[in-house]
């Protein structure tokens, strides 16, 4: 199983980014998927999750600003991030929810004020 996250970058507060995650292997099928983030020195936290049927949940800190989605045919998971805040700065990862695959490299999101 391989997970490749992309789409990060350096933006200003209030801007938007869309992250993408390509999942290979069989883990994607029928499993909930999640986006996680980790700031250096902190624990990795769940940002959002989506079931195979499309039901999503969000951390309180991003609820109303982020939207997770998936394309089961393409084995892709997306995270639309709007109204970004400096506190959203982190490396973002995707994995199953709960996570059981090896973590990929992640994609860095930097939000400046």
N, C-alpha and C. Protein backbone atom coordinates (compact mmCIF):
# COMPACT_ATOMS: atom_id res chain seq x y z
N UNK A 1 0.84 -1.19 0.00
CA UNK A 1 0.00 0.00 0.00
C UNK A 1 0.88 1.24 0.00
N UNK A 2 0.57 2.15 -0.89
CA UNK A 2 1.29 3.40 -0.94
C UNK A 2 0.30 4.55 -0.91
N UNK A 3 0.67 5.60 -0.19
CA UNK A 3 -0.15 6.79 -0.06
C UNK A 3 0.69 7.98 -0.46
N UNK A 4 0.23 8.74 -1.43
CA UNK A 4 0.97 9.89 -1.92
C UNK A 4 0.11 11.13 -1.82
N UNK A 5 0.48 12.00 -0.89
CA UNK A 5 -0.24 13.25 -0.71
C UNK A 5 0.46 14.36 -1.49
N UNK A 6 -0.33 15.27 -2.03
CA UNK A 6 0.22 16.39 -2.79
C UNK A 6 -0.71 17.59 -2.69
N UNK A 7 -0.23 18.74 -3.15
CA UNK A 7 -1.06 19.92 -3.21
C UNK A 7 -0.75 20.98 -2.17
N UNK A 8 0.19 20.71 -1.28
CA UNK A 8 0.54 21.69 -0.27
C UNK A 8 1.27 22.88 -0.87
N UNK A 9 1.50 23.86 -0.04
CA UNK A 9 2.21 25.05 -0.48
C UNK A 9 2.22 26.12 0.58
N UNK A 10 2.76 27.28 0.21
CA UNK A 10 2.81 28.42 1.11
C UNK A 10 1.78 29.45 0.67
N UNK A 11 0.87 29.80 1.57
CA UNK A 11 -0.21 30.71 1.23
C UNK A 11 -0.39 31.74 2.35
N UNK A 12 -1.23 32.71 2.08
CA UNK A 12 -1.57 33.72 3.07
C UNK A 12 -2.84 33.30 3.80
N UNK A 13 -3.00 33.81 5.00
CA UNK A 13 -4.22 33.56 5.75
C UNK A 13 -5.43 34.00 4.92
N UNK A 14 -6.46 33.16 4.92
CA UNK A 14 -7.65 33.44 4.14
C UNK A 14 -7.66 32.77 2.78
N UNK A 15 -6.52 32.29 2.33
CA UNK A 15 -6.43 31.62 1.04
C UNK A 15 -6.96 30.19 1.12
N UNK A 16 -6.99 29.54 -0.04
CA UNK A 16 -7.47 28.15 -0.13
C UNK A 16 -6.41 27.26 -0.76
N UNK A 17 -6.47 26.00 -0.42
CA UNK A 17 -5.65 24.96 -1.03
C UNK A 17 -6.49 23.70 -1.16
N UNK A 18 -6.13 22.89 -2.14
CA UNK A 18 -6.77 21.59 -2.29
C UNK A 18 -5.70 20.52 -2.29
N UNK A 19 -5.79 19.63 -1.31
CA UNK A 19 -4.86 18.52 -1.21
C UNK A 19 -5.44 17.29 -1.89
N UNK A 20 -4.55 16.49 -2.45
CA UNK A 20 -4.96 15.25 -3.09
C UNK A 20 -4.13 14.11 -2.52
N UNK A 21 -4.74 12.94 -2.50
CA UNK A 21 -4.04 11.75 -2.02
C UNK A 21 -4.39 10.59 -2.94
N UNK A 22 -3.34 9.98 -3.48
CA UNK A 22 -3.51 8.80 -4.32
C UNK A 22 -3.16 7.57 -3.49
N UNK A 23 -4.08 6.62 -3.45
CA UNK A 23 -3.87 5.40 -2.68
C UNK A 23 -3.78 4.21 -3.61
N UNK A 24 -2.73 3.45 -3.47
CA UNK A 24 -2.59 2.24 -4.26
C UNK A 24 -2.92 1.04 -3.39
N UNK A 25 -3.12 -0.09 -3.98
CA UNK A 25 -3.41 -1.28 -3.20
C UNK A 25 -4.88 -1.41 -2.88
N UNK A 26 -5.19 -2.38 -2.04
CA UNK A 26 -6.59 -2.71 -1.76
C UNK A 26 -7.17 -2.00 -0.55
N UNK A 27 -6.35 -1.24 0.20
CA UNK A 27 -6.83 -0.66 1.44
C UNK A 27 -7.94 0.35 1.21
N UNK A 28 -7.96 0.99 0.04
CA UNK A 28 -8.93 2.05 -0.20
C UNK A 28 -10.35 1.50 -0.27
N UNK A 29 -10.47 0.29 -0.81
CA UNK A 29 -11.79 -0.26 -1.09
C UNK A 29 -12.53 -0.57 0.20
N UNK A 30 -13.68 0.07 0.38
CA UNK A 30 -14.53 -0.22 1.51
C UNK A 30 -14.10 0.37 2.83
N UNK A 31 -12.97 1.07 2.86
CA UNK A 31 -12.46 1.62 4.11
C UNK A 31 -12.68 3.12 4.19
N UNK A 32 -12.90 3.58 5.41
CA UNK A 32 -12.90 5.01 5.62
C UNK A 32 -11.48 5.53 5.43
N UNK A 33 -11.38 6.76 4.95
CA UNK A 33 -10.09 7.40 4.73
C UNK A 33 -10.06 8.70 5.51
N UNK A 34 -8.85 9.11 5.87
CA UNK A 34 -8.73 10.33 6.65
C UNK A 34 -7.56 11.19 6.22
N UNK A 35 -7.67 12.45 6.52
CA UNK A 35 -6.56 13.38 6.42
C UNK A 35 -6.11 13.70 7.83
N UNK A 36 -4.79 13.68 8.02
CA UNK A 36 -4.18 13.95 9.30
C UNK A 36 -3.16 15.07 9.11
N UNK A 37 -2.78 15.70 10.22
CA UNK A 37 -1.72 16.69 10.11
C UNK A 37 -0.83 16.63 11.35
N UNK A 38 0.39 17.07 11.14
CA UNK A 38 1.36 17.04 12.22
C UNK A 38 2.28 18.25 12.10
N UNK A 39 2.36 18.98 13.19
CA UNK A 39 3.31 20.07 13.27
C UNK A 39 4.51 19.54 14.02
N UNK A 40 5.69 19.92 13.60
CA UNK A 40 6.92 19.40 14.18
C UNK A 40 6.87 19.43 15.70
N UNK A 41 7.13 18.27 16.30
CA UNK A 41 7.15 18.18 17.75
C UNK A 41 5.81 17.86 18.37
N UNK A 42 4.76 17.91 17.56
CA UNK A 42 3.42 17.61 18.06
C UNK A 42 2.96 16.23 17.58
N UNK A 43 1.93 15.74 18.21
CA UNK A 43 1.36 14.48 17.77
C UNK A 43 0.57 14.69 16.47
N UNK A 44 0.47 13.63 15.69
CA UNK A 44 -0.33 13.68 14.48
C UNK A 44 -1.80 13.66 14.88
N UNK A 45 -2.59 14.53 14.28
CA UNK A 45 -4.00 14.62 14.64
C UNK A 45 -4.88 14.39 13.41
N UNK A 46 -6.05 13.85 13.66
CA UNK A 46 -7.03 13.64 12.59
C UNK A 46 -7.70 14.96 12.27
N UNK A 47 -7.73 15.31 11.00
CA UNK A 47 -8.37 16.54 10.55
C UNK A 47 -9.78 16.26 10.04
N UNK A 48 -9.90 15.22 9.23
CA UNK A 48 -11.19 14.89 8.64
C UNK A 48 -11.17 13.44 8.19
N UNK A 49 -12.34 12.84 8.15
CA UNK A 49 -12.46 11.47 7.67
C UNK A 49 -13.69 11.35 6.78
N UNK A 50 -13.67 10.36 5.92
CA UNK A 50 -14.82 10.12 5.04
C UNK A 50 -14.97 8.62 4.87
N UNK A 51 -16.19 8.14 5.03
CA UNK A 51 -16.46 6.72 4.86
C UNK A 51 -16.49 6.35 3.38
N UNK A 52 -16.53 5.07 3.10
CA UNK A 52 -16.59 4.63 1.71
C UNK A 52 -17.86 5.13 1.03
N UNK A 53 -18.89 5.39 1.84
CA UNK A 53 -20.15 5.89 1.30
C UNK A 53 -20.23 7.40 1.22
N UNK A 54 -19.18 8.08 1.70
CA UNK A 54 -19.14 9.54 1.55
C UNK A 54 -19.52 10.34 2.78
N UNK A 55 -19.78 9.69 3.91
CA UNK A 55 -20.10 10.44 5.12
C UNK A 55 -18.82 10.98 5.73
N UNK A 56 -18.82 12.28 6.04
CA UNK A 56 -17.60 12.92 6.51
C UNK A 56 -17.74 13.43 7.94
N UNK A 57 -16.63 13.51 8.63
CA UNK A 57 -16.54 14.11 9.96
C UNK A 57 -15.30 14.99 9.99
N UNK A 58 -15.33 15.99 10.89
CA UNK A 58 -14.25 16.97 10.94
C UNK A 58 -13.84 17.28 12.36
N UNK A 59 -12.58 17.63 12.51
CA UNK A 59 -12.13 18.19 13.78
C UNK A 59 -12.80 19.54 13.97
N UNK A 60 -13.04 19.89 15.21
CA UNK A 60 -13.72 21.15 15.50
C UNK A 60 -12.95 22.34 14.92
N UNK A 61 -11.65 22.24 14.90
CA UNK A 61 -10.83 23.37 14.47
C UNK A 61 -10.96 23.68 12.97
N UNK A 62 -11.44 22.71 12.19
CA UNK A 62 -11.53 22.92 10.75
C UNK A 62 -12.97 22.84 10.24
N UNK A 63 -13.89 22.48 11.11
CA UNK A 63 -15.28 22.31 10.69
C UNK A 63 -15.83 23.61 10.11
N UNK A 64 -16.38 23.51 8.93
CA UNK A 64 -16.92 24.68 8.26
C UNK A 64 -15.93 25.35 7.31
N UNK A 65 -14.66 24.97 7.41
CA UNK A 65 -13.64 25.54 6.52
C UNK A 65 -13.05 24.50 5.57
N UNK A 66 -12.97 23.26 6.01
CA UNK A 66 -12.39 22.18 5.21
C UNK A 66 -13.50 21.24 4.73
N UNK A 67 -13.25 20.61 3.59
CA UNK A 67 -14.19 19.62 3.07
C UNK A 67 -13.41 18.44 2.50
N UNK A 68 -13.72 17.25 3.00
CA UNK A 68 -13.07 16.04 2.52
C UNK A 68 -13.98 15.35 1.52
N UNK A 69 -13.38 14.75 0.51
CA UNK A 69 -14.15 14.00 -0.47
C UNK A 69 -13.29 12.87 -1.01
N UNK A 70 -13.92 11.95 -1.71
CA UNK A 70 -13.18 10.83 -2.27
C UNK A 70 -13.76 10.43 -3.61
N UNK A 71 -12.90 9.87 -4.43
CA UNK A 71 -13.31 9.30 -5.72
C UNK A 71 -12.91 7.83 -5.66
N UNK A 72 -13.88 6.98 -5.41
CA UNK A 72 -13.59 5.56 -5.21
C UNK A 72 -13.03 4.91 -6.49
N UNK A 73 -13.50 5.33 -7.62
CA UNK A 73 -13.02 4.74 -8.88
C UNK A 73 -11.55 5.06 -9.12
N UNK A 74 -11.13 6.24 -8.71
CA UNK A 74 -9.74 6.66 -8.92
C UNK A 74 -8.87 6.40 -7.71
N UNK A 75 -9.47 5.95 -6.61
CA UNK A 75 -8.74 5.73 -5.35
C UNK A 75 -8.03 7.02 -4.93
N UNK A 76 -8.79 8.09 -4.94
CA UNK A 76 -8.28 9.38 -4.57
C UNK A 76 -9.09 9.96 -3.41
N UNK A 77 -8.39 10.67 -2.56
CA UNK A 77 -9.04 11.40 -1.47
C UNK A 77 -8.58 12.86 -1.57
N UNK A 78 -9.50 13.77 -1.33
CA UNK A 78 -9.20 15.18 -1.46
C UNK A 78 -9.53 15.93 -0.16
N UNK A 79 -8.83 17.02 0.04
CA UNK A 79 -9.16 17.91 1.16
C UNK A 79 -9.15 19.34 0.64
N UNK A 80 -10.33 19.91 0.53
CA UNK A 80 -10.47 21.31 0.16
C UNK A 80 -10.35 22.14 1.42
N UNK A 81 -9.39 23.04 1.46
CA UNK A 81 -9.14 23.85 2.64
C UNK A 81 -9.38 25.31 2.30
N UNK A 82 -10.37 25.90 2.90
CA UNK A 82 -10.71 27.31 2.67
C UNK A 82 -10.46 28.12 3.94
N UNK A 83 -10.35 29.41 3.76
CA UNK A 83 -10.14 30.34 4.90
C UNK A 83 -9.03 29.82 5.80
N UNK A 84 -7.92 29.51 5.19
CA UNK A 84 -6.80 28.96 5.95
C UNK A 84 -6.29 29.94 6.99
N UNK A 85 -5.83 29.39 8.08
CA UNK A 85 -5.32 30.16 9.22
C UNK A 85 -3.89 29.72 9.50
N UNK A 86 -3.10 30.61 10.11
CA UNK A 86 -1.72 30.21 10.45
C UNK A 86 -1.66 28.93 11.28
N UNK A 87 -2.69 28.69 12.09
CA UNK A 87 -2.72 27.49 12.93
C UNK A 87 -2.90 26.22 12.11
N UNK A 88 -3.21 26.35 10.83
CA UNK A 88 -3.34 25.19 9.96
C UNK A 88 -2.00 24.74 9.40
N UNK A 89 -0.96 25.50 9.66
CA UNK A 89 0.38 25.14 9.19
C UNK A 89 0.80 23.80 9.77
N UNK A 90 1.16 22.86 8.89
CA UNK A 90 1.53 21.51 9.30
C UNK A 90 1.88 20.69 8.07
N UNK A 91 2.38 19.50 8.29
CA UNK A 91 2.50 18.50 7.23
C UNK A 91 1.23 17.67 7.25
N UNK A 92 0.60 17.55 6.11
CA UNK A 92 -0.67 16.83 5.99
C UNK A 92 -0.43 15.46 5.36
N UNK A 93 -1.08 14.46 5.94
CA UNK A 93 -0.97 13.09 5.49
C UNK A 93 -2.36 12.51 5.26
N UNK A 94 -2.43 11.52 4.40
CA UNK A 94 -3.66 10.74 4.30
C UNK A 94 -3.35 9.30 4.71
N UNK A 95 -4.38 8.63 5.16
CA UNK A 95 -4.28 7.24 5.56
C UNK A 95 -5.70 6.73 5.74
N UNK A 96 -5.82 5.47 6.00
CA UNK A 96 -7.13 4.96 6.32
C UNK A 96 -7.53 5.52 7.67
N UNK A 97 -8.82 5.37 8.02
CA UNK A 97 -9.30 5.77 9.32
C UNK A 97 -10.02 4.61 9.95
N UNK A 98 -9.47 4.06 11.05
CA UNK A 98 -8.22 4.45 11.69
C UNK A 98 -7.02 4.08 10.81
N UNK A 99 -5.89 4.70 11.08
CA UNK A 99 -4.73 4.49 10.20
C UNK A 99 -4.06 3.14 10.45
N UNK A 100 -3.78 2.40 9.39
CA UNK A 100 -3.02 1.17 9.56
C UNK A 100 -1.99 0.95 8.47
N UNK A 101 -1.96 1.82 7.48
CA UNK A 101 -0.92 1.72 6.45
C UNK A 101 0.29 2.54 6.89
N UNK A 102 1.41 2.29 6.25
CA UNK A 102 2.60 3.10 6.51
C UNK A 102 2.34 4.53 6.05
N UNK A 103 2.83 5.48 6.83
CA UNK A 103 2.62 6.87 6.49
C UNK A 103 3.50 7.26 5.31
N UNK A 104 2.94 7.98 4.37
CA UNK A 104 3.72 8.51 3.26
C UNK A 104 4.49 9.75 3.70
N UNK A 105 5.04 10.47 2.74
CA UNK A 105 5.84 11.65 3.06
C UNK A 105 5.01 12.83 3.50
N UNK A 106 3.77 12.90 3.13
CA UNK A 106 2.96 14.05 3.47
C UNK A 106 3.24 15.23 2.57
N UNK A 107 2.42 16.25 2.75
CA UNK A 107 2.60 17.48 1.97
C UNK A 107 2.53 18.68 2.93
N UNK A 108 3.47 19.59 2.79
CA UNK A 108 3.59 20.70 3.73
C UNK A 108 2.68 21.85 3.34
N UNK A 109 1.92 22.31 4.32
CA UNK A 109 1.08 23.50 4.16
C UNK A 109 1.59 24.56 5.13
N UNK A 110 1.92 25.71 4.59
CA UNK A 110 2.40 26.82 5.41
C UNK A 110 1.50 28.02 5.18
N UNK A 111 0.90 28.51 6.26
CA UNK A 111 -0.02 29.64 6.18
C UNK A 111 0.57 30.79 6.97
N UNK A 112 0.80 31.88 6.30
CA UNK A 112 1.37 33.04 6.97
C UNK A 112 0.29 34.11 7.17
N UNK A 113 0.47 34.87 8.23
CA UNK A 113 -0.53 35.89 8.57
C UNK A 113 -0.27 37.20 7.85
